[in-house]
Amino acid sequence: MLRLPALWLGLGTLLCLPHSPAGRPSTQRLSKGVDWLTRYGYLPPPDPMQARLQTEEGLHDAVRMMQKFAGLQETGILDDRTLAMMDQPRCSLPDIIGTSELMRRRKRYAHSGSVWPVKELTWSVRSYPQASGLPRDHVRTLLFYALQAWANASALSFREAPGAGADILVQFSRSFHEDGYPFDGPGSTLAHAFFPGEHPISGDTHFDDEETWIYDPQATQQGGGTDLFAVAVHEFGHALGLAHSSTKGSIMMPYYQGPVGLPHLYRLPPDDALGIQTLYGRRQLHPGEDSPARPIPTQPRIPDLPPHRPTQQPRPPAPDRCQAHFDAIANIRGEVFFFKKKHFWRMQPARNLVSLEPAQTQRFWMGLPPDLGAIDAVYERSNDSKIIFFIGQHFWVFTDTRVDPGSPRPITDLGLPEGVTVEAAFVWGHNGKTYLFESSHYWRFDDRAGNVEPGYPRPVTLWKGVPAGLDDIISWNDGSTYFFKGTQYWRFLGGSVEAESGYPRSAPQDWMYCPGSPTASPAPGPRGGSREPGGGQCLCSGALPGPLPAFLTWALALAWALR
């Protein structure tokens, strides 16, 4: 049985464009557009093994499809109106599931291909919103009527059954919440749900607790909060098996459309009613009934209107990946993380960026200081796979994404002198030892013993060909070691302590898929051919490469800590 999570899938695409003529969207617009279009299913994922490229024509077709779905003029251009629509709050489910065939369907509605085997379903609320003025009883009432809207139009019925065994479990969560799909804070994605199926999480519906959830059916404009009832009706549609609809006025349109009126009087639009009836059938009318609305023996009381809450503050601006000058770079679980200020980018072992847009560090690694300005260095310990963050005169120890008790601790606990700031840290693949750098000196650290080895510090000049004051260093999966500073990087092959000839090279161009000189060629790898993180991925002159697709692994969640 088909079961896809109602959440964008975290796939990238490789965009190959010729030199930009006047009027072409900027690099920043292209990056944003490609990320968004791939996230919501408009750009098909190319095969990373074949490095198949996404053409400019393919991008324009995807933009036109998105515009058609959103009810915009179909120009195929990433204009201001299209980009503004991409910024609108919306559901996390992709608009196009699998292929673009959904856009050519004969029926107006779309379903996921999976349904519940029974027509009487149970539901329960596992957690309630913490940042909202809605009391718990009001939340349950709004969810009751959101489900009732689907029951009124079909043969389905719903019964609240407190406990973890209910078919549809509702929860309000923040950031990473143990389903592999973290929320992204105020705005952007509002909620997600899982299609019917046999998996324990099937049907579960999650709302971002950092949104300001309100109930105000008479609201005429957005800005005071997000109407819980309207979003709940939409998400429960996914939990029952419906995908997104491009029909104007449908509750299953992906974008938040504001309040939809009084919950106990709400009726599904025709497109949505037809969709749910196709999956579960029509409700049979009893003798004397002249309305499809099922009578409710004990209707919950409609809640009074709570006061409006102030609009949430906008998310912090994201840094430009093409400026490089990263604060820290680390190889964690075989993937490279580039940290800059409060954000990071992630590169997978196949040398593909998960997204051109960065993620917020504190939305993934929970326990870093709330006033975080920048991270000095990060590395994964070789003896126990703990992740160590250095910030100023202290360090934090993490087990995956959770901070360990006792953090932070002073750097002097590692045996380093008072006043030292670790500016770079890495485990050298040649000998498995950990190296900690500050300015013109470095220490070799024994992770098992927990202290600095005798005979250190030593001068950085022992690593021939690199300057002092490095941003960070990583050992890559091919056995090479890479030193980064500013916009440049150096490669050391195997156990060599001398930089390979032909370096330094451009870090933005080779690692961040940024435009560079069309005559630049990838540096040769240890066995010949291109082995650079960005080398050889885009074959057209003057190309602007983007990330190739890949399903997220141990840290699937982190890419969706975006912004």
Protein backbone atom coordinates (compact mmCIF):
# COMPACT_ATOMS: atom_id res chain seq x y z
CA MET A 1 0.00 0.00 0.00
CA LEU A 2 1.37 3.40 -0.98
CA ARG A 3 2.25 5.55 1.98
CA LEU A 4 4.01 8.86 1.63
CA PRO A 5 4.48 11.34 4.48
CA ALA A 6 2.67 14.61 4.05
CA LEU A 7 5.89 16.54 4.12
CA TRP A 8 8.33 17.81 1.56
CA LEU A 9 10.86 15.12 0.87
CA GLY A 10 14.15 16.96 1.01
CA LEU A 11 15.31 16.32 -2.53
CA GLY A 12 17.63 18.58 -4.48
CA THR A 13 18.16 19.07 -8.15
CA LEU A 14 21.10 20.02 -10.33
CA LEU A 15 20.44 23.21 -12.25
CA CYS A 16 22.62 23.95 -15.28
CA LEU A 17 22.25 27.37 -16.89
CA PRO A 18 24.32 29.24 -19.46
CA HIS A 19 25.63 32.73 -18.87
CA SER A 20 22.91 35.00 -17.51
CA PRO A 21 21.46 37.53 -19.93
CA ALA A 22 19.80 40.70 -18.76
CA GLY A 23 16.58 40.07 -16.92
CA ARG A 24 17.40 36.55 -15.80
CA PRO A 25 16.63 35.87 -12.13
CA SER A 26 19.52 36.42 -9.75
CA THR A 27 21.51 33.55 -8.27
CA GLN A 28 19.69 34.01 -4.97
CA ARG A 29 16.29 33.83 -6.69
CA LEU A 30 17.30 30.75 -8.65
CA SER A 31 18.54 29.03 -5.50
CA LYS A 32 15.33 29.82 -3.67
CA GLY A 33 13.16 28.78 -6.60
CA VAL A 34 14.96 25.49 -7.26
CA ASP A 35 14.82 24.54 -3.59
CA TRP A 36 11.11 25.34 -3.30
CA LEU A 37 10.12 23.65 -6.57
CA THR A 38 12.00 20.48 -5.69
CA ARG A 39 10.72 20.49 -2.13
CA TYR A 40 7.10 20.49 -3.28
CA GLY A 41 7.50 18.02 -6.14
CA TYR A 42 7.56 20.27 -9.21
CA LEU A 43 11.14 19.46 -10.21
CA PRO A 44 11.75 15.74 -10.70
CA PRO A 45 14.82 14.41 -8.90
CA PRO A 46 17.58 13.54 -11.36
CA ASP A 47 19.67 10.42 -10.92
CA PRO A 48 22.73 11.31 -8.82
CA MET A 49 24.66 8.34 -10.20
CA GLN A 50 24.27 9.66 -13.74
CA ALA A 51 24.54 13.34 -12.73
CA ARG A 52 21.60 14.11 -14.99
CA LEU A 53 21.15 17.85 -15.28
CA GLN A 54 18.03 19.95 -14.93
CA THR A 55 17.81 22.20 -17.95
CA GLU A 56 16.66 25.79 -18.02
CA GLU A 57 13.61 24.66 -20.02
CA GLY A 58 12.82 22.12 -17.32
CA LEU A 59 12.99 24.85 -14.69
CA HIS A 60 10.62 27.07 -16.67
CA ASP A 61 8.19 24.16 -17.08
CA ALA A 62 8.27 23.56 -13.33
CA VAL A 63 7.61 27.24 -12.63
CA ARG A 64 4.68 27.22 -15.04
CA MET A 65 3.25 24.13 -13.35
CA MET A 66 3.61 25.76 -9.94
CA GLN A 67 1.91 28.91 -11.21
CA LYS A 68 -0.95 26.88 -12.64
CA PHE A 69 -1.40 25.05 -9.36
CA ALA A 70 -1.35 28.32 -7.40
CA GLY A 71 -3.72 30.12 -9.75
CA LEU A 72 -1.09 32.57 -11.01
CA GLN A 73 -0.40 33.72 -14.55
CA GLU A 74 1.59 30.95 -16.23
CA THR A 75 4.73 32.79 -17.35
CA GLY A 76 7.39 30.27 -16.36
CA ILE A 77 9.36 33.15 -14.82
CA LEU A 78 10.42 33.46 -11.19
CA ASP A 79 8.86 36.90 -10.90
CA ASP A 80 8.04 38.79 -7.72
CA ARG A 81 4.49 37.43 -7.53
CA THR A 82 5.66 33.84 -7.90
CA LEU A 83 8.38 34.25 -5.27
CA ALA A 84 5.85 35.93 -2.97
CA MET A 85 3.57 32.90 -3.33
CA MET A 86 6.49 30.65 -2.42
CA ASP A 87 6.77 32.61 0.83
CA GLN A 88 3.13 32.04 1.78
CA PRO A 89 2.36 29.82 4.80
CA ARG A 90 1.30 26.39 3.62
CA CYS A 91 1.04 22.68 4.24
CA SER A 92 4.22 20.62 4.14
CA LEU A 93 2.94 17.98 1.70
CA PRO A 94 4.33 18.14 -1.84
CA ASP A 95 1.86 19.35 -4.44
CA ILE A 96 3.05 16.82 -7.01
CA ILE A 97 3.44 13.31 -5.66
CA GLY A 98 5.57 11.04 -7.79
CA THR A 99 5.21 12.62 -11.25
CA SER A 100 3.51 15.51 -12.97
CA GLU A 101 0.69 13.18 -14.03
CA LEU A 102 -1.43 14.59 -11.22
CA MET A 103 -1.55 17.86 -13.13
CA ARG A 104 -3.00 16.04 -16.13
CA ARG A 105 -5.59 14.03 -14.20
CA ARG A 106 -9.15 14.02 -15.48
CA LYS A 107 -10.60 14.31 -12.00
CA ARG A 108 -10.26 17.63 -10.26
CA TYR A 109 -9.38 16.15 -6.88
CA ALA A 110 -6.36 13.97 -6.09
CA HIS A 111 -5.80 11.22 -3.57
CA SER A 112 -2.68 9.53 -2.26
CA GLY A 113 -3.62 6.02 -3.32
CA SER A 114 -4.12 4.81 0.24
CA VAL A 115 -7.27 4.62 2.37
CA TRP A 116 -8.31 3.38 5.78
CA PRO A 117 -9.75 -0.16 5.69
CA VAL A 118 -12.54 0.87 8.09
CA LYS A 119 -14.96 3.79 8.07
CA GLU A 120 -15.18 4.41 11.82
CA LEU A 121 -11.93 6.00 12.95
CA THR A 122 -10.71 7.11 16.36
CA TRP A 123 -8.70 10.19 17.21
CA SER A 124 -6.84 11.57 20.19
CA VAL A 125 -4.80 14.64 21.14
CA ARG A 126 -1.35 13.80 22.50
CA SER A 127 -0.17 17.37 23.15
CA TYR A 128 -1.62 20.86 23.04
CA PRO A 129 -0.30 24.24 21.81
CA GLN A 130 1.85 26.07 24.32
CA ALA A 131 2.18 29.41 22.52
CA SER A 132 -1.54 29.94 21.90
CA GLY A 133 -4.37 31.49 23.88
CA LEU A 134 -6.65 28.55 23.02
CA PRO A 135 -7.66 26.44 26.05
CA ARG A 136 -7.43 22.68 25.67
CA ASP A 137 -11.18 22.23 25.48
CA HIS A 138 -11.34 24.72 22.64
CA VAL A 139 -8.61 22.88 20.76
CA ARG A 140 -10.46 19.58 21.09
CA THR A 141 -13.70 21.23 19.97
CA LEU A 142 -12.11 22.68 16.84
CA LEU A 143 -10.50 19.34 15.98
CA PHE A 144 -13.84 17.60 16.53
CA TYR A 145 -15.59 19.84 14.01
CA ALA A 146 -12.68 19.62 11.56
CA LEU A 147 -13.14 15.84 11.45
CA GLN A 148 -16.91 16.22 11.40
CA ALA A 149 -16.64 18.21 8.17
CA TRP A 150 -15.29 15.08 6.47
CA ALA A 151 -17.86 12.86 8.18
CA ASN A 152 -20.73 15.05 6.98
CA ALA A 153 -19.68 14.55 3.37
CA SER A 154 -18.90 10.81 3.44
CA ALA A 155 -19.60 7.45 5.05
CA LEU A 156 -16.86 8.10 7.61
CA SER A 157 -17.46 8.61 11.32
CA PHE A 158 -15.04 9.66 14.05
CA ARG A 159 -14.87 8.96 17.76
CA GLU A 160 -12.53 10.52 20.27
CA ALA A 161 -10.66 7.76 22.09
CA PRO A 162 -7.95 9.11 24.39
CA GLY A 163 -4.76 7.11 24.29
CA ALA A 164 -1.88 6.25 21.99
CA GLY A 165 -3.87 3.58 20.16
CA ALA A 166 -6.14 5.96 18.24
CA ASP A 167 -6.04 5.94 14.44
CA ILE A 168 -5.35 9.67 14.18
CA LEU A 169 -3.03 11.09 16.80
CA VAL A 170 -2.77 14.88 16.99
CA GLN A 171 0.14 16.73 18.52
CA PHE A 172 1.60 20.24 18.65
CA SER A 173 5.36 20.12 18.45
CA ARG A 174 8.37 22.30 17.80
CA SER A 175 11.38 21.80 15.58
CA PHE A 176 12.67 18.23 15.74
CA HIS A 177 9.90 16.09 17.21
CA GLU A 178 11.03 12.50 16.59
CA ASP A 179 9.19 11.84 13.34
CA GLY A 180 12.11 12.78 11.11
CA TYR A 181 10.38 15.97 9.92
CA PRO A 182 11.11 19.00 12.11
CA PHE A 183 9.09 22.18 11.93
CA ASP A 184 10.69 25.41 10.76
CA GLY A 185 9.34 27.98 13.22
CA PRO A 186 6.77 30.73 12.60
CA GLY A 187 5.44 30.96 9.07
CA SER A 188 6.39 28.82 6.08
CA THR A 189 5.17 25.27 6.81
CA LEU A 190 2.33 25.13 9.32
CA ALA A 191 1.55 21.45 9.77
CA HIS A 192 1.89 18.01 8.25
CA ALA A 193 -0.01 14.74 8.31
CA PHE A 194 0.69 11.17 7.26
CA PHE A 195 -1.42 9.31 4.73
CA PRO A 196 -3.35 6.17 5.73
CA GLY A 197 -1.37 2.95 5.87
CA GLU A 198 -0.07 0.21 8.10
CA HIS A 199 2.78 2.16 9.66
CA PRO A 200 2.28 3.23 13.30
CA ILE A 201 2.52 6.90 12.30
CA SER A 202 -0.06 6.63 9.51
CA GLY A 203 -2.84 9.19 9.95
CA ASP A 204 -0.97 11.18 12.59
CA THR A 205 -1.33 14.93 12.29
CA HIS A 206 1.25 17.38 13.61
CA PHE A 207 0.96 21.16 14.03
CA ASP A 208 3.88 23.55 14.49
CA ASP A 209 3.61 24.84 18.06
CA GLU A 210 5.62 27.94 17.16
CA GLU A 211 2.70 29.23 15.11
CA THR A 212 0.19 31.49 16.83
CA TRP A 213 -2.90 29.30 16.64
CA ILE A 214 -6.20 31.15 16.97
CA TYR A 215 -9.91 30.66 16.42
CA ASP A 216 -11.51 33.65 14.77
CA PRO A 217 -14.05 32.72 12.07
CA GLN A 218 -14.88 36.38 11.47
CA ALA A 219 -11.32 37.46 10.71
CA THR A 220 -11.04 39.19 7.36
CA GLN A 221 -7.27 39.38 7.07
CA GLN A 222 -4.20 37.47 8.11
CA GLY A 223 -1.58 38.72 10.54
CA GLY A 224 -3.05 38.05 13.97
CA GLY A 225 -2.43 34.32 13.90
CA THR A 226 -3.30 31.11 12.06
CA ASP A 227 -6.82 29.69 12.21
CA LEU A 228 -6.54 26.23 13.75
CA PHE A 229 -9.86 24.97 12.41
CA ALA A 230 -9.05 25.75 8.76
CA VAL A 231 -5.61 24.13 8.94
CA ALA A 232 -7.00 21.10 10.80
CA VAL A 233 -9.63 20.45 8.12
CA HIS A 234 -6.88 20.53 5.49
CA GLU A 235 -4.49 18.25 7.36
CA PHE A 236 -7.20 15.74 8.26
CA GLY A 237 -7.88 15.53 4.53
CA HIS A 238 -4.34 14.21 4.12
CA ALA A 239 -4.75 11.85 7.09
CA LEU A 240 -7.75 10.39 5.26
CA GLY A 241 -5.91 9.96 1.97
CA LEU A 242 -6.43 13.15 -0.07
CA ALA A 243 -3.56 14.96 -1.74
CA HIS A 244 -3.46 18.63 -2.67
CA SER A 245 -5.96 20.18 -5.06
CA SER A 246 -5.40 23.00 -7.54
CA THR A 247 -9.12 23.83 -7.67
CA LYS A 248 -9.78 27.37 -6.52
CA GLY A 249 -11.61 27.43 -3.20
CA SER A 250 -10.75 23.83 -2.28
CA ILE A 251 -9.78 23.30 1.35
CA MET A 252 -7.07 20.98 -0.01
CA MET A 253 -5.23 23.77 -1.80
CA PRO A 254 -1.71 23.78 -0.31
CA TYR A 255 -1.66 27.44 0.76
CA TYR A 256 -3.20 28.80 3.93
CA GLN A 257 -6.33 30.70 2.93
CA GLY A 258 -7.40 32.12 6.27
CA PRO A 259 -10.48 31.30 8.38
CA VAL A 260 -13.36 29.42 6.75
CA GLY A 261 -16.24 30.42 9.05
CA LEU A 262 -18.07 28.88 11.98
CA PRO A 263 -16.93 25.27 12.56
CA HIS A 264 -20.38 23.81 13.25
CA LEU A 265 -21.77 25.34 10.05
CA TYR A 266 -18.81 24.57 7.78
CA ARG A 267 -19.37 22.35 4.73
CA LEU A 268 -16.66 21.03 2.43
CA PRO A 269 -16.37 22.61 -1.02
CA PRO A 270 -17.67 20.36 -3.84
CA ASP A 271 -14.18 19.34 -5.03
CA ASP A 272 -13.22 18.06 -1.57
CA ALA A 273 -16.57 16.39 -0.94
CA LEU A 274 -16.27 14.51 -4.23
CA GLY A 275 -12.74 13.46 -3.36
CA ILE A 276 -13.60 12.00 0.06
CA GLN A 277 -16.71 10.28 -1.36
CA THR A 278 -14.56 8.62 -4.01
CA LEU A 279 -12.41 7.11 -1.26
CA TYR A 280 -15.08 6.16 1.30
CA GLY A 281 -18.47 6.50 -0.35
CA ARG A 282 -21.43 8.75 0.38
CA ARG A 283 -23.22 8.84 3.70
CA GLN A 284 -26.55 7.10 3.53
CA LEU A 285 -29.43 9.37 4.54
CA HIS A 286 -31.86 8.01 7.11
CA PRO A 287 -35.62 8.37 6.68
CA GLY A 288 -36.70 11.96 7.31
CA GLU A 289 -33.23 13.42 6.68
CA ASP A 290 -33.04 16.03 3.96
CA SER A 291 -29.49 17.21 4.62
CA PRO A 292 -26.18 15.42 4.25
CA ALA A 293 -25.03 16.88 7.56
CA ARG A 294 -24.98 14.08 10.13
CA PRO A 295 -26.74 14.98 13.41
CA ILE A 296 -24.39 15.15 16.37
CA PRO A 297 -25.90 13.80 19.62
CA THR A 298 -23.69 15.90 21.90
CA GLN A 299 -22.26 18.86 20.08
CA PRO A 300 -19.31 20.54 21.83
CA ARG A 301 -19.85 24.16 22.68
CA ILE A 302 -18.46 26.60 20.14
CA PRO A 303 -15.62 28.47 21.88
CA ASP A 304 -15.65 32.18 22.46
CA LEU A 305 -13.19 34.23 20.48
CA PRO A 306 -9.83 34.54 22.27
CA PRO A 307 -7.94 37.83 22.04
CA HIS A 308 -5.57 38.23 19.13
CA ARG A 309 -1.92 37.61 19.92
CA PRO A 310 0.88 39.67 18.37
CA THR A 311 2.36 38.39 15.15
CA GLN A 312 5.53 36.34 15.58
CA GLN A 313 8.84 38.00 14.78
CA PRO A 314 10.30 37.21 11.33
CA ARG A 315 13.02 34.58 11.12
CA PRO A 316 16.63 35.81 11.11
CA PRO A 317 18.14 36.51 7.67
CA ALA A 318 20.19 33.64 6.27
CA PRO A 319 23.84 34.18 5.28
CA ASP A 320 25.05 33.81 1.69
CA ARG A 321 26.77 30.45 1.15
CA CYS A 322 28.83 31.90 -1.70
CA GLN A 323 30.65 34.29 0.64
CA ALA A 324 32.28 31.31 2.41
CA HIS A 325 34.34 32.41 5.46
CA PHE A 326 32.64 29.61 7.41
CA ASP A 327 32.88 29.69 11.18
CA ALA A 328 33.20 25.91 11.45
CA ILE A 329 33.21 22.85 9.16
CA ALA A 330 32.81 19.27 10.36
CA ASN A 331 32.55 15.72 9.04
CA ILE A 332 29.68 14.20 11.04
CA ARG A 333 28.39 10.72 10.24
CA GLY A 334 30.24 10.87 6.93
CA GLU A 335 28.59 14.15 5.88
CA VAL A 336 30.07 17.65 5.85
CA PHE A 337 28.40 20.48 7.76
CA PHE A 338 29.30 24.11 7.01
CA PHE A 339 28.41 26.44 9.90
CA LYS A 340 28.05 30.19 9.54
CA LYS A 341 26.59 32.37 12.28
CA LYS A 342 23.28 30.74 13.31
CA HIS A 343 22.98 28.56 10.19
CA PHE A 344 24.55 25.58 8.46
CA TRP A 345 24.58 23.76 5.12
CA ARG A 346 24.92 20.01 4.75
CA MET A 347 26.75 17.99 2.09
CA GLN A 348 26.13 14.27 1.73
CA PRO A 349 28.76 11.59 0.99
CA ALA A 350 27.91 11.74 -2.73
CA ARG A 351 29.08 15.40 -2.63
CA ASN A 352 25.54 16.77 -2.95
CA LEU A 353 24.23 19.72 -0.96
CA VAL A 354 20.91 18.83 0.62
CA SER A 355 19.69 22.37 0.00
CA LEU A 356 21.05 25.65 -1.26
CA GLU A 357 19.18 27.28 1.61
CA PRO A 358 20.76 26.88 5.08
CA ALA A 359 19.18 25.41 8.19
CA GLN A 360 19.07 27.01 11.63
CA THR A 361 21.62 25.33 13.87
CA GLN A 362 19.69 25.77 17.11
CA ARG A 363 16.60 24.11 15.63
CA PHE A 364 18.52 20.91 15.26
CA TRP A 365 21.19 20.80 17.98
CA MET A 366 19.07 21.61 21.00
CA GLY A 367 21.08 22.83 23.94
CA LEU A 368 23.41 25.34 22.33
CA PRO A 369 23.34 28.76 24.01
CA PRO A 370 20.26 30.86 23.13
CA ASP A 371 22.47 33.88 22.41
CA LEU A 372 24.60 31.92 19.95
CA GLY A 373 26.51 34.20 17.62
CA ALA A 374 28.85 31.76 15.92
CA ILE A 375 30.44 28.34 16.43
CA ASP A 376 34.23 28.20 16.51
CA ALA A 377 34.78 24.52 15.70
CA VAL A 378 32.97 21.15 15.59
CA TYR A 379 34.09 17.56 15.29
CA GLU A 380 32.75 14.04 15.83
CA ARG A 381 34.68 12.08 18.46
CA SER A 382 36.17 8.88 17.08
CA ASN A 383 35.80 6.79 20.23
CA ASP A 384 32.07 7.26 20.92
CA SER A 385 30.66 9.34 17.99
CA LYS A 386 29.75 12.21 20.32
CA ILE A 387 29.62 15.61 18.58
CA ILE A 388 31.72 18.36 20.17
CA PHE A 389 30.95 22.06 19.67
CA PHE A 390 33.53 24.70 20.64
CA ILE A 391 32.22 28.20 21.39
CA GLY A 392 34.55 30.67 23.05
CA GLN A 393 36.13 29.23 26.18
CA HIS A 394 33.68 26.32 26.49
CA PHE A 395 32.66 23.16 24.70
CA TRP A 396 29.36 21.27 24.44
CA VAL A 397 29.00 17.50 24.05
CA PHE A 398 26.05 16.14 22.03
CA THR A 399 24.64 12.67 21.56
CA ASP A 400 23.21 13.05 18.07
CA THR A 401 20.99 16.15 18.44
CA ARG A 402 20.66 16.26 22.24
CA VAL A 403 23.12 17.96 24.54
CA ASP A 404 24.69 15.78 27.22
CA PRO A 405 24.26 16.62 30.91
CA GLY A 406 27.11 18.71 32.24
CA SER A 407 27.50 20.81 29.10
CA PRO A 408 28.98 23.30 28.63
CA ARG A 409 32.38 22.71 30.17
CA PRO A 410 35.50 24.90 30.15
CA ILE A 411 38.10 24.11 27.50
CA THR A 412 40.68 23.78 30.25
CA ASP A 413 39.00 20.46 31.16
CA LEU A 414 40.57 19.11 27.97
CA GLY A 415 44.04 20.02 29.16
CA LEU A 416 44.33 23.12 26.99
CA PRO A 417 45.86 26.29 28.45
CA GLU A 418 43.71 29.02 29.95
CA GLY A 419 42.46 31.50 27.35
CA VAL A 420 42.73 29.18 24.34
CA THR A 421 39.93 29.32 21.73
CA VAL A 422 39.71 26.26 19.49
CA GLU A 423 39.38 27.62 15.95
CA ALA A 424 39.56 24.30 14.08
CA ALA A 425 39.17 20.65 15.06
CA PHE A 426 39.25 17.38 13.13
CA VAL A 427 40.05 13.70 13.43
CA TRP A 428 42.86 12.82 11.01
CA GLY A 429 41.91 9.74 9.05
CA HIS A 430 45.59 8.81 8.71
CA ASN A 431 46.02 7.95 12.40
CA GLY A 432 42.62 8.45 14.04
CA LYS A 433 44.00 11.23 16.27
CA THR A 434 42.15 14.46 17.08
CA TYR A 435 43.82 17.80 16.31
CA LEU A 436 42.81 21.12 17.86
CA PHE A 437 44.03 24.38 16.28
CA GLU A 438 44.30 27.95 17.49
CA SER A 439 45.90 30.60 15.30
CA SER A 440 49.49 29.44 14.60
CA HIS A 441 49.55 26.38 16.91
CA TYR A 442 47.82 23.04 17.31
CA TRP A 443 47.48 20.27 19.88
CA ARG A 444 47.00 16.55 19.40
CA PHE A 445 44.25 15.26 21.66
CA ASP A 446 43.59 11.74 22.95
CA ASP A 447 39.80 11.30 22.96
CA ARG A 448 39.96 8.04 24.91
CA ALA A 449 42.17 9.46 27.66
CA GLY A 450 40.45 12.86 27.51
CA ASN A 451 43.61 14.97 27.50
CA VAL A 452 46.25 16.61 25.31
CA GLU A 453 49.19 14.42 24.36
CA PRO A 454 52.71 15.39 25.55
CA GLY A 455 54.89 17.54 23.31
CA TYR A 456 52.20 20.00 22.22
CA PRO A 457 51.41 22.66 21.08
CA ARG A 458 53.29 22.60 17.79
CA PRO A 459 53.39 25.21 15.00
CA VAL A 460 50.88 25.07 12.16
CA THR A 461 53.82 25.46 9.77
CA LEU A 462 54.41 21.72 10.15
CA TRP A 463 51.41 21.40 7.80
CA LYS A 464 53.19 22.77 4.75
CA GLY A 465 51.31 25.10 2.44
CA VAL A 466 48.52 26.42 4.67
CA PRO A 467 48.28 29.73 6.54
CA ALA A 468 47.65 30.30 10.24
CA GLY A 469 44.21 31.23 11.56
CA LEU A 470 42.27 28.50 9.75
CA ASP A 471 38.46 28.46 9.71
CA ASP A 472 38.35 24.69 10.11
CA ILE A 473 39.63 21.33 8.83
CA ILE A 474 37.93 18.08 7.85
CA SER A 475 38.97 14.58 6.88
CA TRP A 476 36.89 13.60 3.86
CA ASN A 477 35.58 10.13 3.15
CA ASP A 478 38.12 9.59 0.34
CA GLY A 479 40.98 9.74 2.86
CA SER A 480 41.99 13.31 1.99
CA THR A 481 42.17 16.19 4.48
CA TYR A 482 40.87 19.66 3.62
CA PHE A 483 41.96 22.92 5.26
CA PHE A 484 39.66 25.95 4.90
CA LYS A 485 40.31 29.66 5.34
CA GLY A 486 38.20 32.48 3.94
CA THR A 487 37.15 31.60 0.41
CA GLN A 488 40.01 29.14 -0.15
CA TYR A 489 40.79 25.54 0.72
CA TRP A 490 43.78 23.18 0.50
CA ARG A 491 43.86 19.39 0.09
CA PHE A 492 46.27 16.95 1.70
CA LEU A 493 46.30 13.43 0.25
CA GLY A 494 46.28 10.46 2.64
CA GLY A 495 48.83 10.91 5.41
CA SER A 496 50.71 13.70 3.66
CA VAL A 497 51.52 16.85 5.65
CA GLU A 498 52.10 18.93 2.52
CA ALA A 499 49.29 20.47 0.48
CA GLU A 500 48.73 19.02 -2.97
CA SER A 501 49.91 21.11 -5.92
CA GLY A 502 47.29 23.30 -7.55
CA TYR A 503 45.96 24.65 -4.27
CA PRO A 504 44.47 26.78 -2.81
CA ARG A 505 41.19 26.55 -4.75
CA SER A 506 37.82 28.27 -4.45
CA ALA A 507 35.67 26.88 -1.61
CA PRO A 508 32.45 28.58 -2.82
CA GLN A 509 32.83 27.17 -6.33
CA ASP A 510 33.93 23.62 -5.44
CA TRP A 511 31.91 23.06 -2.26
CA MET A 512 28.94 25.44 -2.37
CA TYR A 513 27.97 25.19 -6.06
CA CYS A 514 28.50 28.88 -6.63
CA PRO A 515 29.20 30.43 -10.04
CA GLY A 516 32.86 30.77 -10.89
CA SER A 517 35.20 31.12 -13.80
CA PRO A 518 33.93 29.07 -16.76
CA THR A 519 37.50 28.13 -17.57
CA ALA A 520 38.23 26.66 -14.14
CA SER A 521 38.67 22.90 -14.18
CA PRO A 522 38.28 20.43 -11.32
CA ALA A 523 41.44 19.43 -9.53
CA PRO A 524 42.51 15.84 -10.20
CA GLY A 525 41.77 13.26 -7.54
CA PRO A 526 44.23 10.72 -6.15
CA ARG A 527 43.34 8.20 -8.89
CA GLY A 528 42.87 10.76 -11.67
CA GLY A 529 39.65 12.40 -12.73
CA SER A 530 37.53 14.80 -10.73
CA ARG A 531 37.21 13.97 -7.05
CA GLU A 532 36.36 17.43 -5.75
CA PRO A 533 33.08 17.94 -3.88
CA GLY A 534 31.75 20.12 -6.69
CA GLY A 535 34.02 19.09 -9.51
CA GLY A 536 32.61 17.52 -12.64
CA GLN A 537 28.98 17.70 -11.52
CA CYS A 538 27.89 20.30 -14.06
CA LEU A 539 29.28 20.01 -17.53
CA CYS A 540 28.05 23.17 -19.24
CA SER A 541 30.18 26.30 -19.48
CA GLY A 542 29.55 28.93 -16.83
CA ALA A 543 26.99 26.72 -15.08
CA LEU A 544 25.29 27.42 -11.80
CA PRO A 545 25.18 24.00 -10.12
CA GLY A 546 22.68 23.13 -7.40
CA PRO A 547 22.31 20.10 -5.16
CA LEU A 548 21.58 16.63 -6.40
CA PRO A 549 18.78 14.68 -4.71
CA ALA A 550 19.26 12.35 -1.80
CA PHE A 551 17.03 10.93 0.90
CA LEU A 552 18.07 12.12 4.32
CA THR A 553 19.80 9.67 6.62
CA TRP A 554 20.56 9.92 10.35
CA ALA A 555 19.85 13.65 10.33
CA LEU A 556 16.88 13.73 7.94
CA ALA A 557 15.34 16.24 10.25
CA LEU A 558 18.03 18.85 10.08
CA ALA A 559 17.42 20.03 6.55
CA TRP A 560 13.93 21.01 7.58
CA ALA A 561 15.12 23.15 10.34
CA LEU A 562 15.41 25.62 7.48
CA ARG A 563 15.56 29.32 8.18
